[in-house]
Amino acid sequence: MKLPIRKYGDPILRTKGKRIEAVDDDIRALAEDMLETMHAANGIGLAAQQVGRALQLTVLDVSPVEDRPSTLTLNGKPIAELAEAMPLVLLNPELRLGAETDLGSEGCLSFPEITADIERAISVEVEAETLEGEKVRIEASGLLSRALQHEVDHLNGILFIDRMSSASKVSHSSRLKRLQKETARL
């Protein structure tokens, strides 16, 4: 079932997600609904907060994006065809950032029509759990690294505008204010 995506100004976007201790039918259904919602919105990542649930759950699928390559190593095994490992459903992810950073364009389903260059680590390591209760270790670079950082930020109540340069914030300020007002009216 497609879920409504919460927009900037909704307080749940600033809420740190609760750790998921056990996977039940509710969590499985939520993950499935999040995947459907993300794909329908042409997104590459979606955090539980963005659909109104303050949980440590995110879904990602960067396979449709061909012009921004990614690398993925899953539990020590390099994945040659990214689409084979997608989508990812991650519970309770913990992130370790690589030392090198770069600027890259980002958008967010909770901020329609707003993009900005955000500085992120080029590579990351993530430890998380799957819906099957298995521990998974991911090493990623490229767009997948950026998407993982963006989504883990969401799970901790951090929004991509918090990582924008001052100049970007100023240039987007009127749109951000408008979005907050629209959200407040709902």
Protein backbone atom coordinates (compact mmCIF):
# COMPACT_ATOMS: atom_id res chain seq x y z
CA MET A 1 0.00 0.00 0.00
CA LYS A 2 1.35 3.40 -0.98
CA LEU A 3 1.79 5.64 2.07
CA PRO A 4 1.69 9.45 2.27
CA ILE A 5 5.17 10.95 2.47
CA ARG A 6 5.62 13.45 5.29
CA LYS A 7 6.90 16.83 4.19
CA TYR A 8 9.25 19.34 5.78
CA GLY A 9 7.62 20.94 8.79
CA ASP A 10 6.16 17.66 10.09
CA PRO A 11 7.72 17.14 13.55
CA ILE A 12 8.18 13.39 13.03
CA LEU A 13 10.97 14.15 10.54
CA ARG A 14 12.99 15.49 13.49
CA THR A 15 12.33 12.42 15.66
CA LYS A 16 15.06 9.85 16.28
CA GLY A 17 13.74 6.40 15.42
CA LYS A 18 13.31 3.69 18.03
CA ARG A 19 15.43 0.58 17.70
CA ILE A 20 13.53 -2.40 16.28
CA GLU A 21 13.95 -5.26 18.73
CA ALA A 22 11.81 -7.84 16.92
CA VAL A 23 10.48 -8.18 13.39
CA ASP A 24 6.76 -8.91 13.28
CA ASP A 25 4.06 -8.74 10.62
CA ASP A 26 3.64 -4.98 11.24
CA ILE A 27 7.33 -4.31 10.51
CA ARG A 28 7.29 -6.58 7.43
CA ALA A 29 4.17 -4.83 6.08
CA LEU A 30 5.66 -1.40 6.81
CA ALA A 31 8.86 -2.29 4.90
CA GLU A 32 6.82 -3.55 1.93
CA ASP A 33 4.65 -0.40 1.95
CA MET A 34 7.77 1.78 2.18
CA LEU A 35 9.30 0.07 -0.85
CA GLU A 36 6.10 0.56 -2.83
CA THR A 37 5.90 4.22 -1.73
CA MET A 38 9.57 4.89 -2.58
CA HIS A 39 9.32 3.30 -6.03
CA ALA A 40 6.03 5.10 -6.81
CA ALA A 41 7.70 8.43 -5.93
CA ASN A 42 10.79 7.60 -8.04
CA GLY A 43 12.95 7.78 -4.93
CA ILE A 44 16.12 5.85 -4.13
CA GLY A 45 15.68 5.80 -0.34
CA LEU A 46 12.97 6.22 2.27
CA ALA A 47 13.16 6.27 6.06
CA ALA A 48 10.33 5.23 8.38
CA GLN A 49 10.02 8.82 9.67
CA GLN A 50 9.08 9.92 6.16
CA VAL A 51 5.93 7.80 6.37
CA GLY A 52 5.09 8.77 9.93
CA ARG A 53 6.83 6.04 11.96
CA ALA A 54 9.75 6.87 14.27
CA LEU A 55 11.64 3.60 13.82
CA GLN A 56 15.16 2.58 12.81
CA LEU A 57 14.02 1.24 9.41
CA THR A 58 15.02 2.37 5.95
CA VAL A 59 14.66 1.05 2.42
CA LEU A 60 16.97 1.83 -0.51
CA ASP A 61 17.18 1.01 -4.19
CA VAL A 62 19.78 2.84 -6.28
CA SER A 63 19.64 0.34 -9.17
CA PRO A 64 17.48 2.53 -11.47
CA VAL A 65 20.12 5.31 -11.43
CA GLU A 66 22.66 4.59 -14.14
CA ASP A 67 24.48 7.93 -14.39
CA ARG A 68 25.74 7.92 -10.77
CA PRO A 69 27.57 4.62 -10.20
CA SER A 70 27.87 2.80 -6.89
CA THR A 71 29.91 -0.03 -5.47
CA LEU A 72 28.59 -2.53 -2.95
CA THR A 73 30.29 -5.20 -0.89
CA LEU A 74 27.85 -7.33 1.09
CA ASN A 75 29.26 -9.34 4.01
CA GLY A 76 32.72 -9.17 2.43
CA LYS A 77 31.55 -10.23 -1.05
CA PRO A 78 31.75 -7.63 -3.87
CA ILE A 79 28.45 -7.38 -5.77
CA ALA A 80 29.08 -6.90 -9.50
CA GLU A 81 25.44 -6.33 -10.47
CA LEU A 82 23.93 -3.86 -8.02
CA ALA A 83 20.38 -4.74 -9.08
CA GLU A 84 20.89 -8.27 -7.69
CA ALA A 85 21.21 -6.88 -4.15
CA MET A 86 18.47 -4.27 -4.42
CA PRO A 87 16.27 -3.24 -2.78
CA LEU A 88 17.91 -3.07 0.63
CA VAL A 89 15.75 -3.14 3.75
CA LEU A 90 17.86 -2.18 6.76
CA LEU A 91 16.92 -2.22 10.44
CA ASN A 92 18.94 -0.47 13.14
CA PRO A 93 21.76 0.60 10.80
CA GLU A 94 25.03 1.84 12.28
CA LEU A 95 27.26 3.89 10.00
CA ARG A 96 31.02 4.39 9.84
CA LEU A 97 32.17 7.11 7.46
CA GLY A 98 35.24 6.98 5.27
CA ALA A 99 37.73 9.83 5.64
CA GLU A 100 37.44 11.30 2.13
CA THR A 101 34.47 13.50 1.23
CA ASP A 102 33.01 15.08 -1.87
CA LEU A 103 30.15 17.34 -2.84
CA GLY A 104 27.20 15.81 -4.62
CA SER A 105 23.67 16.73 -5.56
CA GLU A 106 20.93 15.50 -3.23
CA GLY A 107 17.19 15.77 -3.08
CA CYS A 108 14.66 14.32 -0.67
CA LEU A 109 11.10 13.05 -1.04
CA SER A 110 10.16 15.15 2.01
CA PHE A 111 11.44 18.29 0.24
CA PRO A 112 9.80 18.28 -3.21
CA GLU A 113 11.67 20.21 -5.89
CA ILE A 114 14.58 21.16 -3.60
CA THR A 115 18.09 19.94 -4.35
CA ALA A 116 21.48 21.03 -3.10
CA ASP A 117 25.11 20.00 -3.15
CA ILE A 118 25.86 18.24 0.13
CA GLU A 119 29.27 17.17 1.40
CA ARG A 120 29.31 13.48 2.32
CA ALA A 121 31.85 10.72 2.84
CA ILE A 122 32.78 9.01 -0.44
CA SER A 123 32.59 5.58 1.20
CA VAL A 124 30.80 4.09 4.19
CA GLU A 125 30.51 0.89 6.15
CA VAL A 126 27.13 -0.03 7.57
CA GLU A 127 26.15 -2.76 9.99
CA ALA A 128 22.44 -3.47 10.12
CA GLU A 129 19.87 -6.22 10.43
CA THR A 130 17.55 -7.64 7.79
CA LEU A 131 13.87 -8.49 8.05
CA GLU A 132 15.01 -12.12 8.49
CA GLY A 133 16.96 -11.13 11.63
CA GLU A 134 20.35 -11.60 10.00
CA LYS A 135 23.25 -9.22 10.60
CA VAL A 136 24.54 -7.64 7.42
CA ARG A 137 27.73 -5.66 6.75
CA ILE A 138 27.75 -3.29 3.80
CA GLU A 139 30.64 -1.38 2.29
CA ALA A 140 29.48 1.17 -0.27
CA SER A 141 30.74 4.04 -2.37
CA GLY A 142 29.22 6.37 -4.92
CA LEU A 143 25.50 7.07 -4.92
CA LEU A 144 24.74 4.17 -2.57
CA SER A 145 27.14 5.60 0.02
CA ARG A 146 25.44 9.00 -0.27
CA ALA A 147 21.95 7.46 -0.04
CA LEU A 148 22.89 5.40 3.03
CA GLN A 149 24.21 8.52 4.80
CA HIS A 150 21.08 10.49 3.85
CA GLU A 151 18.72 7.77 5.13
CA VAL A 152 20.63 7.08 8.36
CA ASP A 153 20.50 10.84 9.00
CA HIS A 154 16.69 10.63 8.67
CA LEU A 155 16.60 7.81 11.21
CA ASN A 156 18.36 10.13 13.64
CA GLY A 157 16.13 13.16 12.98
CA ILE A 158 18.72 14.92 10.81
CA LEU A 159 17.55 16.42 7.52
CA PHE A 160 19.64 17.11 4.43
CA ILE A 161 18.99 20.85 4.81
CA ASP A 162 20.96 20.61 8.09
CA ARG A 163 23.99 19.70 5.95
CA MET A 164 23.47 22.44 3.31
CA SER A 165 25.90 25.30 3.02
CA SER A 166 24.70 28.64 4.32
CA ALA A 167 24.44 29.94 0.76
CA SER A 168 22.20 27.00 -0.25
CA LYS A 169 19.96 27.55 2.78
CA VAL A 170 19.58 31.21 1.87
CA SER A 171 18.79 30.41 -1.77
CA HIS A 172 16.12 27.87 -0.71
CA SER A 173 14.74 29.83 2.26
CA SER A 174 11.51 31.03 0.62
CA ARG A 175 10.67 27.54 -0.71
CA LEU A 176 11.45 26.00 2.69
CA LYS A 177 9.19 28.50 4.47
CA ARG A 178 6.41 27.85 1.96
CA LEU A 179 6.76 24.08 2.43
CA GLN A 180 6.61 24.46 6.23
CA LYS A 181 3.44 26.57 5.95
CA GLU A 182 1.80 24.04 3.59
CA THR A 183 2.66 21.21 5.98
CA ALA A 184 1.32 23.16 8.98
CA ARG A 185 -2.05 23.56 7.21
CA LEU A 186 -2.48 19.77 6.84
